[in-house]
Amino acid sequence: MVIAIGILLVIFAFVAPLLIRASDIPPPELPSPTQHLEDRKAAIYENLRDLQGEYRMGKLSDDDYQQIKLDLQKQLAGVLAEIEKIESELELSDANAETSTSA
């Protein structure tokens, strides 16, 4: 009896996925065009926090701290500019799409 139930469960486990229709599966979420930049921005902020902590503990000289901080701030400025550029392009394309559909 237990073996029969086990066999039925195994058969069901193999057959059940075949019964799922494509319409039952939700559409995949589209990735954000700026997600990789948002991840990079978060990493730079984390690096800045770590840098400040290491400087306060005395692991870095003042010159090293200032140089690394400046480099990270430049990277952050580039990432923020790129995010803003992509978002403004998306807003512009959305606005163009709205005007073309309403015309």
PDB file of N, CA and C in Angstrom:
ATOM      1  N   MET A   1       0.816  -1.194   0.000  1.00  0.00           N
ATOM      2  CA  MET A   1       0.000   0.000   0.000  1.00  0.00           C
ATOM      3  C   MET A   1       0.867   1.268   0.000  1.00  0.00           C
ATOM      4  N   VAL A   2       1.859   1.294   0.874  1.00  0.00           N
ATOM      5  CA  VAL A   2       2.749   2.449   0.967  1.00  0.00           C
ATOM      6  C   VAL A   2       3.545   2.603  -0.324  1.00  0.00           C
ATOM      7  N   ILE A   3       3.943   1.501  -0.894  1.00  0.00           N
ATOM      8  CA  ILE A   3       4.699   1.543  -2.151  1.00  0.00           C
ATOM      9  C   ILE A   3       3.830   2.087  -3.271  1.00  0.00           C
ATOM     10  N   ALA A   4       2.577   1.707  -3.311  1.00  0.00           N
ATOM     11  CA  ALA A   4       1.660   2.191  -4.349  1.00  0.00           C
ATOM     12  C   ALA A   4       1.460   3.700  -4.224  1.00  0.00           C
ATOM     13  N   ILE A   5       1.317   4.184  -2.989  1.00  0.00           N
ATOM     14  CA  ILE A   5       1.157   5.626  -2.785  1.00  0.00           C
ATOM     15  C   ILE A   5       2.433   6.355  -3.196  1.00  0.00           C
ATOM     16  N   GLY A   6       3.577   5.780  -2.874  1.00  0.00           N
ATOM     17  CA  GLY A   6       4.857   6.375  -3.267  1.00  0.00           C
ATOM     18  C   GLY A   6       5.004   6.455  -4.777  1.00  0.00           C
ATOM     19  N   ILE A   7       4.618   5.396  -5.461  1.00  0.00           N
ATOM     20  CA  ILE A   7       4.694   5.378  -6.925  1.00  0.00           C
ATOM     21  C   ILE A   7       3.759   6.422  -7.519  1.00  0.00           C
ATOM     22  N   LEU A   8       2.548   6.539  -6.978  1.00  0.00           N
ATOM     23  CA  LEU A   8       1.603   7.545  -7.468  1.00  0.00           C
ATOM     24  C   LEU A   8       2.139   8.966  -7.257  1.00  0.00           C
ATOM     25  N   LEU A   9       2.765   9.205  -6.112  1.00  0.00           N
ATOM     26  CA  LEU A   9       3.339  10.519  -5.856  1.00  0.00           C
ATOM     27  C   LEU A   9       4.468  10.850  -6.833  1.00  0.00           C
ATOM     28  N   VAL A  10       5.300   9.873  -7.138  1.00  0.00           N
ATOM     29  CA  VAL A  10       6.398  10.079  -8.093  1.00  0.00           C
ATOM     30  C   VAL A  10       5.833  10.349  -9.482  1.00  0.00           C
ATOM     31  N   ILE A  11       4.844   9.594  -9.874  1.00  0.00           N
ATOM     32  CA  ILE A  11       4.218   9.805 -11.189  1.00  0.00           C
ATOM     33  C   ILE A  11       3.594  11.196 -11.246  1.00  0.00           C
ATOM     34  N   PHE A  12       2.896  11.583 -10.179  1.00  0.00           N
ATOM     35  CA  PHE A  12       2.286  12.910 -10.127  1.00  0.00           C
ATOM     36  C   PHE A  12       3.347  14.010 -10.216  1.00  0.00           C
ATOM     37  N   ALA A  13       4.480  13.808  -9.545  1.00  0.00           N
ATOM     38  CA  ALA A  13       5.548  14.803  -9.564  1.00  0.00           C
ATOM     39  C   ALA A  13       6.099  14.999 -10.979  1.00  0.00           C
ATOM     40  N   PHE A  14       6.107  13.963 -11.780  1.00  0.00           N
ATOM     41  CA  PHE A  14       6.599  14.080 -13.151  1.00  0.00           C
ATOM     42  C   PHE A  14       5.529  14.583 -14.117  1.00  0.00           C
ATOM     43  N   VAL A  15       4.266  14.281 -13.864  1.00  0.00           N
ATOM     44  CA  VAL A  15       3.195  14.634 -14.786  1.00  0.00           C
ATOM     45  C   VAL A  15       2.648  16.034 -14.516  1.00  0.00           C
ATOM     46  N   ALA A  16       2.611  16.454 -13.272  1.00  0.00           N
ATOM     47  CA  ALA A  16       2.012  17.748 -12.910  1.00  0.00           C
ATOM     48  C   ALA A  16       2.637  18.924 -13.666  1.00  0.00           C
ATOM     49  N   PRO A  17       3.951  19.011 -13.795  1.00  0.00           N
ATOM     50  CA  PRO A  17       4.505  20.148 -14.551  1.00  0.00           C
ATOM     51  C   PRO A  17       4.087  20.170 -16.020  1.00  0.00           C
ATOM     52  N   LEU A  18       3.772  19.018 -16.566  1.00  0.00           N
ATOM     53  CA  LEU A  18       3.342  18.960 -17.960  1.00  0.00           C
ATOM     54  C   LEU A  18       1.934  19.522 -18.140  1.00  0.00           C
ATOM     55  N   LEU A  19       1.156  19.592 -17.060  1.00  0.00           N
ATOM     56  CA  LEU A  19      -0.212  20.066 -17.129  1.00  0.00           C
ATOM     57  C   LEU A  19      -0.328  21.580 -16.967  1.00  0.00           C
ATOM     58  N   ILE A  20       0.775  22.242 -16.629  1.00  0.00           N
ATOM     59  CA  ILE A  20       0.744  23.694 -16.434  1.00  0.00           C
ATOM     60  C   ILE A  20       0.750  24.372 -17.803  1.00  0.00           C
ATOM     61  N   ARG A  21      -0.213  25.251 -18.017  1.00  0.00           N
ATOM     62  CA  ARG A  21      -0.302  25.970 -19.281  1.00  0.00           C
ATOM     63  C   ARG A  21       0.563  27.218 -19.227  1.00  0.00           C
ATOM     64  N   ALA A  22       0.984  27.675 -20.367  1.00  0.00           N
ATOM     65  CA  ALA A  22       1.806  28.883 -20.429  1.00  0.00           C
ATOM     66  C   ALA A  22       1.031  30.101 -19.935  1.00  0.00           C
ATOM     67  N   SER A  23      -0.281  30.090 -20.116  1.00  0.00           N
ATOM     68  CA  SER A  23      -1.099  31.222 -19.659  1.00  0.00           C
ATOM     69  C   SER A  23      -1.198  31.272 -18.135  1.00  0.00           C
ATOM     70  N   ASP A  24      -0.916  30.166 -17.457  1.00  0.00           N
ATOM     71  CA  ASP A  24      -0.956  30.136 -15.993  1.00  0.00           C
ATOM     72  C   ASP A  24       0.305  30.737 -15.365  1.00  0.00           C
ATOM     73  N   ILE A  25       1.358  30.845 -16.134  1.00  0.00           N
ATOM     74  CA  ILE A  25       2.627  31.356 -15.626  1.00  0.00           C
ATOM     75  C   ILE A  25       2.639  32.873 -15.779  1.00  0.00           C
ATOM     76  N   PRO A  26       2.938  33.602 -14.704  1.00  0.00           N
ATOM     77  CA  PRO A  26       2.953  35.070 -14.818  1.00  0.00           C
ATOM     78  C   PRO A  26       4.106  35.522 -15.704  1.00  0.00           C
ATOM     79  N   PRO A  27       3.923  36.649 -16.386  1.00  0.00           N
ATOM     80  CA  PRO A  27       5.012  37.133 -17.243  1.00  0.00           C
ATOM     81  C   PRO A  27       6.209  37.552 -16.395  1.00  0.00           C
ATOM     82  N   PRO A  28       7.416  37.400 -16.920  1.00  0.00           N
ATOM     83  CA  PRO A  28       8.601  37.770 -16.137  1.00  0.00           C
ATOM     84  C   PRO A  28       8.675  39.281 -15.956  1.00  0.00           C
ATOM     85  N   GLU A  29       9.226  39.678 -14.820  1.00  0.00           N
ATOM     86  CA  GLU A  29       9.400  41.102 -14.560  1.00  0.00           C
ATOM     87  C   GLU A  29      10.553  41.622 -15.406  1.00  0.00           C
ATOM     88  N   LEU A  30      10.338  42.763 -16.030  1.00  0.00           N
ATOM     89  CA  LEU A  30      11.405  43.351 -16.817  1.00  0.00           C
ATOM     90  C   LEU A  30      12.424  43.990 -15.879  1.00  0.00           C
ATOM     91  N   PRO A  31      13.703  43.738 -16.119  1.00  0.00           N
ATOM     92  CA  PRO A  31      14.716  44.337 -15.251  1.00  0.00           C
ATOM     93  C   PRO A  31      14.803  45.844 -15.489  1.00  0.00           C
ATOM     94  N   SER A  32      15.143  46.551 -14.446  1.00  0.00           N
ATOM     95  CA  SER A  32      15.299  47.995 -14.552  1.00  0.00           C
ATOM     96  C   SER A  32      16.535  48.303 -15.389  1.00  0.00           C
ATOM     97  N   PRO A  33      16.437  49.268 -16.307  1.00  0.00           N
ATOM     98  CA  PRO A  33      17.603  49.592 -17.128  1.00  0.00           C
ATOM     99  C   PRO A  33      18.729  50.226 -16.321  1.00  0.00           C
ATOM    100  N   THR A  34      18.427  50.676 -15.109  1.00  0.00           N
ATOM    101  CA  THR A  34      19.461  51.293 -14.277  1.00  0.00           C
ATOM    102  C   THR A  34      19.840  50.418 -13.086  1.00  0.00           C
ATOM    103  N   GLN A  35      19.369  49.178 -13.041  1.00  0.00           N
ATOM    104  CA  GLN A  35      19.619  48.341 -11.871  1.00  0.00           C
ATOM    105  C   GLN A  35      21.108  48.128 -11.628  1.00  0.00           C
ATOM    106  N   HIS A  36      21.881  47.869 -12.686  1.00  0.00           N
ATOM    107  CA  HIS A  36      23.308  47.648 -12.488  1.00  0.00           C
ATOM    108  C   HIS A  36      23.994  48.907 -11.964  1.00  0.00           C
ATOM    109  N   LEU A  37      23.500  50.071 -12.381  1.00  0.00           N
ATOM    110  CA  LEU A  37      24.062  51.322 -11.884  1.00  0.00           C
ATOM    111  C   LEU A  37      23.647  51.576 -10.436  1.00  0.00           C
ATOM    112  N   GLU A  38      22.413  51.220 -10.089  1.00  0.00           N
ATOM    113  CA  GLU A  38      21.971  51.359  -8.703  1.00  0.00           C
ATOM    114  C   GLU A  38      22.797  50.453  -7.781  1.00  0.00           C
ATOM    115  N   ASP A  39      23.105  49.256  -8.255  1.00  0.00           N
ATOM    116  CA  ASP A  39      23.942  48.346  -7.478  1.00  0.00           C
ATOM    117  C   ASP A  39      25.347  48.924  -7.301  1.00  0.00           C
ATOM    118  N   ARG A  40      25.874  49.497  -8.374  1.00  0.00           N
ATOM    119  CA  ARG A  40      27.207  50.114  -8.306  1.00  0.00           C
ATOM    120  C   ARG A  40      27.200  51.303  -7.347  1.00  0.00           C
ATOM    121  N   LYS A  41      26.136  52.109  -7.386  1.00  0.00           N
ATOM    122  CA  LYS A  41      26.013  53.263  -6.493  1.00  0.00           C
ATOM    123  C   LYS A  41      26.018  52.797  -5.037  1.00  0.00           C
ATOM    124  N   ALA A  42      25.267  51.757  -4.742  1.00  0.00           N
ATOM    125  CA  ALA A  42      25.219  51.229  -3.380  1.00  0.00           C
ATOM    126  C   ALA A  42      26.587  50.724  -2.939  1.00  0.00           C
ATOM    127  N   ALA A  43      27.312  50.088  -3.856  1.00  0.00           N
ATOM    128  CA  ALA A  43      28.652  49.582  -3.522  1.00  0.00           C
ATOM    129  C   ALA A  43      29.613  50.733  -3.238  1.00  0.00           C
ATOM    130  N   ILE A  44      29.508  51.805  -4.000  1.00  0.00           N
ATOM    131  CA  ILE A  44      30.392  52.958  -3.777  1.00  0.00           C
ATOM    132  C   ILE A  44      30.080  53.604  -2.432  1.00  0.00           C
ATOM    133  N   TYR A  45      28.807  53.758  -2.106  1.00  0.00           N
ATOM    134  CA  TYR A  45      28.438  54.313  -0.803  1.00  0.00           C
ATOM    135  C   TYR A  45      28.976  53.428   0.331  1.00  0.00           C
ATOM    136  N   GLU A  46      28.881  52.128   0.159  1.00  0.00           N
ATOM    137  CA  GLU A  46      29.405  51.213   1.170  1.00  0.00           C
ATOM    138  C   GLU A  46      30.918  51.358   1.292  1.00  0.00           C
ATOM    139  N   ASN A  47      31.601  51.495   0.159  1.00  0.00           N
ATOM    140  CA  ASN A  47      33.051  51.693   0.184  1.00  0.00           C
ATOM    141  C   ASN A  47      33.422  52.994   0.889  1.00  0.00           C
ATOM    142  N   LEU A  48      32.631  54.036   0.675  1.00  0.00           N
ATOM    143  CA  LEU A  48      32.893  55.307   1.360  1.00  0.00           C
ATOM    144  C   LEU A  48      32.721  55.163   2.872  1.00  0.00           C
ATOM    145  N   ARG A  49      31.686  54.438   3.293  1.00  0.00           N
ATOM    146  CA  ARG A  49      31.490  54.215   4.728  1.00  0.00           C
ATOM    147  C   ARG A  49      32.642  53.411   5.323  1.00  0.00           C
ATOM    148  N   ASP A  50      33.061  52.356   4.609  1.00  0.00           N
ATOM    149  CA  ASP A  50      34.184  51.547   5.079  1.00  0.00           C
ATOM    150  C   ASP A  50      35.456  52.374   5.145  1.00  0.00           C
ATOM    151  N   LEU A  51      35.661  53.209   4.151  1.00  0.00           N
ATOM    152  CA  LEU A  51      36.845  54.057   4.102  1.00  0.00           C
ATOM    153  C   LEU A  51      36.884  54.995   5.297  1.00  0.00           C
ATOM    154  N   GLN A  52      35.739  55.587   5.602  1.00  0.00           N
ATOM    155  CA  GLN A  52      35.676  56.503   6.739  1.00  0.00           C
ATOM    156  C   GLN A  52      35.957  55.758   8.045  1.00  0.00           C
ATOM    157  N   GLY A  53      35.436  54.556   8.168  1.00  0.00           N
ATOM    158  CA  GLY A  53      35.695  53.756   9.364  1.00  0.00           C
ATOM    159  C   GLY A  53      37.162  53.403   9.514  1.00  0.00           C
ATOM    160  N   GLU A  54      37.794  53.011   8.433  1.00  0.00           N
ATOM    161  CA  GLU A  54      39.215  52.676   8.481  1.00  0.00           C
ATOM    162  C   GLU A  54      40.065  53.904   8.797  1.00  0.00           C
ATOM    163  N   TYR A  55      39.662  55.044   8.281  1.00  0.00           N
ATOM    164  CA  TYR A  55      40.397  56.282   8.571  1.00  0.00           C
ATOM    165  C   TYR A  55      40.274  56.635  10.049  1.00  0.00           C
ATOM    166  N   ARG A  56      39.073  56.492  10.589  1.00  0.00           N
ATOM    167  CA  ARG A  56      38.867  56.810  12.015  1.00  0.00           C
ATOM    168  C   ARG A  56      39.620  55.856  12.937  1.00  0.00           C
ATOM    169  N   MET A  57      39.812  54.607  12.476  1.00  0.00           N
ATOM    170  CA  MET A  57      40.573  53.645  13.280  1.00  0.00           C
ATOM    171  C   MET A  57      42.075  53.846  13.135  1.00  0.00           C
ATOM    172  N   GLY A  58      42.472  54.728  12.239  1.00  0.00           N
ATOM    173  CA  GLY A  58      43.887  55.011  12.057  1.00  0.00           C
ATOM    174  C   GLY A  58      44.607  54.081  11.102  1.00  0.00           C
ATOM    175  N   LYS A  59      43.859  53.343  10.296  1.00  0.00           N
ATOM    176  CA  LYS A  59      44.474  52.423   9.344  1.00  0.00           C
ATOM    177  C   LYS A  59      44.976  53.144   8.092  1.00  0.00           C
ATOM    178  N   LEU A  60      44.505  54.366   7.856  1.00  0.00           N
ATOM    179  CA  LEU A  60      44.889  55.116   6.660  1.00  0.00           C
ATOM    180  C   LEU A  60      45.468  56.465   7.065  1.00  0.00           C
ATOM    181  N   SER A  61      46.446  56.903   6.280  1.00  0.00           N
ATOM    182  CA  SER A  61      46.971  58.253   6.496  1.00  0.00           C
ATOM    183  C   SER A  61      45.976  59.253   5.917  1.00  0.00           C
ATOM    184  N   ASP A  62      46.137  60.501   6.288  1.00  0.00           N
ATOM    185  CA  ASP A  62      45.225  61.540   5.812  1.00  0.00           C
ATOM    186  C   ASP A  62      45.298  61.669   4.290  1.00  0.00           C
ATOM    187  N   ASP A  63      46.520  61.601   3.737  1.00  0.00           N
ATOM    188  CA  ASP A  63      46.676  61.722   2.278  1.00  0.00           C
ATOM    189  C   ASP A  63      46.005  60.559   1.550  1.00  0.00           C
ATOM    190  N   ASP A  64      46.209  59.336   2.059  1.00  0.00           N
ATOM    191  CA  ASP A  64      45.578  58.168   1.434  1.00  0.00           C
ATOM    192  C   ASP A  64      44.056  58.270   1.506  1.00  0.00           C
ATOM    193  N   TYR A  65      43.565  58.672   2.662  1.00  0.00           N
ATOM    194  CA  TYR A  65      42.117  58.812   2.845  1.00  0.00           C
ATOM    195  C   TYR A  65      41.546  59.817   1.851  1.00  0.00           C
ATOM    196  N   GLN A  66      42.180  60.978   1.745  1.00  0.00           N
ATOM    197  CA  GLN A  66      41.672  62.014   0.845  1.00  0.00           C
ATOM    198  C   GLN A  66      41.712  61.553  -0.611  1.00  0.00           C
ATOM    199  N   GLN A  67      42.779  60.858  -1.006  1.00  0.00           N
ATOM    200  CA  GLN A  67      42.906  60.404  -2.395  1.00  0.00           C
ATOM    201  C   GLN A  67      41.857  59.347  -2.738  1.00  0.00           C
ATOM    202  N   ILE A  68      41.706  58.362  -1.861  1.00  0.00           N
ATOM    203  CA  ILE A  68      40.731  57.295  -2.115  1.00  0.00           C
ATOM    204  C   ILE A  68      39.317  57.860  -2.090  1.00  0.00           C
ATOM    205  N   LYS A  69      39.052  58.753  -1.149  1.00  0.00           N
ATOM    206  CA  LYS A  69      37.733  59.382  -1.057  1.00  0.00           C
ATOM    207  C   LYS A  69      37.419  60.155  -2.330  1.00  0.00           C
ATOM    208  N   LEU A  70      38.395  60.898  -2.836  1.00  0.00           N
ATOM    209  CA  LEU A  70      38.195  61.658  -4.068  1.00  0.00           C
ATOM    210  C   LEU A  70      37.916  60.735  -5.247  1.00  0.00           C
ATOM    211  N   ASP A  71      38.658  59.632  -5.333  1.00  0.00           N
ATOM    212  CA  ASP A  71      38.435  58.663  -6.414  1.00  0.00           C
ATOM    213  C   ASP A  71      37.022  58.067  -6.343  1.00  0.00           C
ATOM    214  N   LEU A  72      36.591  57.708  -5.135  1.00  0.00           N
ATOM    215  CA  LEU A  72      35.245  57.141  -4.980  1.00  0.00           C
ATOM    216  C   LEU A  72      34.172  58.172  -5.306  1.00  0.00           C
ATOM    217  N   GLN A  73      34.392  59.418  -4.919  1.00  0.00           N
ATOM    218  CA  GLN A  73      33.415  60.462  -5.216  1.00  0.00           C
ATOM    219  C   GLN A  73      33.317  60.712  -6.718  1.00  0.00           C
ATOM    220  N   LYS A  74      34.448  60.627  -7.421  1.00  0.00           N
ATOM    221  CA  LYS A  74      34.419  60.772  -8.883  1.00  0.00           C
ATOM    222  C   LYS A  74      33.642  59.629  -9.527  1.00  0.00           C
ATOM    223  N   GLN A  75      33.876  58.411  -9.031  1.00  0.00           N
ATOM    224  CA  GLN A  75      33.142  57.263  -9.555  1.00  0.00           C
ATOM    225  C   GLN A  75      31.647  57.429  -9.306  1.00  0.00           C
ATOM    226  N   LEU A  76      31.314  57.879  -8.095  1.00  0.00           N
ATOM    227  CA  LEU A  76      29.912  58.075  -7.736  1.00  0.00           C
ATOM    228  C   LEU A  76      29.267  59.136  -8.620  1.00  0.00           C
ATOM    229  N   ALA A  77      29.976  60.217  -8.878  1.00  0.00           N
ATOM    230  CA  ALA A  77      29.436  61.271  -9.743  1.00  0.00           C
ATOM    231  C   ALA A  77      29.168  60.736 -11.147  1.00  0.00           C
ATOM    232  N   GLY A  78      30.070  59.907 -11.654  1.00  0.00           N
ATOM    233  CA  GLY A  78      29.866  59.309 -12.976  1.00  0.00           C
ATOM    234  C   GLY A  78      28.655  58.394 -13.007  1.00  0.00           C
ATOM    235  N   VAL A  79      28.505  57.585 -11.969  1.00  0.00           N
ATOM    236  CA  VAL A  79      27.371  56.664 -11.902  1.00  0.00           C
ATOM    237  C   VAL A  79      26.061  57.442 -11.796  1.00  0.00           C
ATOM    238  N   LEU A  80      26.033  58.469 -10.935  1.00  0.00           N
ATOM    239  CA  LEU A  80      24.817  59.271 -10.787  1.00  0.00           C
ATOM    240  C   LEU A  80      24.460  59.988 -12.087  1.00  0.00           C
ATOM    241  N   ALA A  81      25.474  60.485 -12.797  1.00  0.00           N
ATOM    242  CA  ALA A  81      25.214  61.143 -14.085  1.00  0.00           C
ATOM    243  C   ALA A  81      24.648  60.153 -15.096  1.00  0.00           C
ATOM    244  N   GLU A  82      25.179  58.941 -15.096  1.00  0.00           N
ATOM    245  CA  GLU A  82      24.697  57.919 -16.033  1.00  0.00           C
ATOM    246  C   GLU A  82      23.256  57.519 -15.705  1.00  0.00           C
ATOM    247  N   ILE A  83      22.944  57.390 -14.418  1.00  0.00           N
ATOM    248  CA  ILE A  83      21.568  57.073 -14.013  1.00  0.00           C
ATOM    249  C   ILE A  83      20.621  58.177 -14.466  1.00  0.00           C
ATOM    250  N   GLU A  84      21.016  59.414 -14.226  1.00  0.00           N
ATOM    251  CA  GLU A  84      20.173  60.546 -14.614  1.00  0.00           C
ATOM    252  C   GLU A  84      19.982  60.595 -16.128  1.00  0.00           C
ATOM    253  N   LYS A  85      21.036  60.303 -16.872  1.00  0.00           N
ATOM    254  CA  LYS A  85      20.959  60.303 -18.337  1.00  0.00           C
ATOM    255  C   LYS A  85      19.970  59.245 -18.832  1.00  0.00           C
ATOM    256  N   ILE A  86      20.086  58.042 -18.296  1.00  0.00           N
ATOM    257  CA  ILE A  86      19.197  56.954 -18.717  1.00  0.00           C
ATOM    258  C   ILE A  86      17.748  57.264 -18.347  1.00  0.00           C
ATOM    259  N   GLU A  87      17.538  57.770 -17.122  1.00  0.00           N
ATOM    260  CA  GLU A  87      16.173  58.082 -16.694  1.00  0.00           C
ATOM    261  C   GLU A  87      15.564  59.207 -17.524  1.00  0.00           C
ATOM    262  N   SER A  88      16.365  60.206 -17.889  1.00  0.00           N
ATOM    263  CA  SER A  88      15.817  61.286 -18.715  1.00  0.00           C
ATOM    264  C   SER A  88      15.509  60.785 -20.123  1.00  0.00           C
ATOM    265  N   GLU A  89      16.338  59.877 -20.646  1.00  0.00           N
ATOM    266  CA  GLU A  89      16.048  59.288 -21.958  1.00  0.00           C
ATOM    267  C   GLU A  89      14.761  58.477 -21.911  1.00  0.00           C
ATOM    268  N   LEU A  90      14.562  57.738 -20.818  1.00  0.00           N
ATOM    269  CA  LEU A  90      13.333  56.946 -20.678  1.00  0.00           C
ATOM    270  C   LEU A  90      12.111  57.852 -20.575  1.00  0.00           C
ATOM    271  N   GLU A  91      12.227  58.936 -19.809  1.00  0.00           N
ATOM    272  CA  GLU A  91      11.108  59.873 -19.693  1.00  0.00           C
ATOM    273  C   GLU A  91      10.796  60.519 -21.037  1.00  0.00           C
ATOM    274  N   LEU A  92      11.846  60.845 -21.779  1.00  0.00           N
ATOM    275  CA  LEU A  92      11.653  61.452 -23.092  1.00  0.00           C
ATOM    276  C   LEU A  92      10.979  60.477 -24.047  1.00  0.00           C
ATOM    277  N   SER A  93      11.422  59.220 -24.032  1.00  0.00           N
ATOM    278  CA  SER A  93      10.801  58.235 -24.927  1.00  0.00           C
ATOM    279  C   SER A  93       9.363  57.939 -24.507  1.00  0.00           C
ATOM    280  N   ASP A  94       9.091  57.941 -23.187  1.00  0.00           N
ATOM    281  CA  ASP A  94       7.711  57.761 -22.719  1.00  0.00           C
ATOM    282  C   ASP A  94       6.833  58.932 -23.147  1.00  0.00           C
ATOM    283  N   ALA A  95       7.358  60.144 -23.058  1.00  0.00           N
ATOM    284  CA  ALA A  95       6.597  61.317 -23.465  1.00  0.00           C
ATOM    285  C   ALA A  95       6.322  61.293 -24.959  1.00  0.00           C
ATOM    286  N   ASN A  96       7.305  60.878 -25.746  1.00  0.00           N
ATOM    287  CA  ASN A  96       7.113  60.760 -27.196  1.00  0.00           C
ATOM    288  C   ASN A  96       6.080  59.698 -27.529  1.00  0.00           C
ATOM    289  N   ALA A  97       6.105  58.610 -26.781  1.00  0.00           N
ATOM    290  CA  ALA A  97       5.133  57.544 -27.032  1.00  0.00           C
ATOM    291  C   ALA A  97       3.721  58.004 -26.702  1.00  0.00           C
ATOM    292  N   GLU A  98       3.574  58.789 -25.634  1.00  0.00           N
ATOM    293  CA  GLU A  98       2.263  59.287 -25.250  1.00  0.00           C
ATOM    294  C   GLU A  98       1.716  60.261 -26.281  1.00  0.00           C
ATOM    295  N   THR A  99       2.574  61.145 -26.785  1.00  0.00           N
ATOM    296  CA  THR A  99       2.104  62.124 -27.763  1.00  0.00           C
ATOM    297  C   THR A  99       1.760  61.460 -29.092  1.00  0.00           C
ATOM    298  N   SER A 100       2.490  60.418 -29.448  1.00  0.00           N
ATOM    299  CA  SER A 100       2.199  59.747 -30.714  1.00  0.00           C
ATOM    300  C   SER A 100       0.922  58.902 -30.608  1.00  0.00           C
ATOM    301  N   THR A 101       0.615  58.362 -29.422  1.00  0.00           N
ATOM    302  CA  THR A 101      -0.609  57.581 -29.290  1.00  0.00           C
ATOM    303  C   THR A 101      -1.839  58.460 -29.110  1.00  0.00           C
ATOM    304  N   SER A 102      -1.658  59.654 -28.544  1.00  0.00           N
ATOM    305  CA  SER A 102      -2.812  60.528 -28.345  1.00  0.00           C
ATOM    306  C   SER A 102      -3.129  61.364 -29.586  1.00  0.00           C
ATOM    307  N   ALA A 103      -2.205  61.411 -30.520  1.00  0.00           N
ATOM    308  CA  ALA A 103      -2.440  62.217 -31.733  1.00  0.00           C
ATOM    309  C   ALA A 103      -3.318  61.529 -32.726  1.00  0.00           C
TER     310      ALA A 103
END
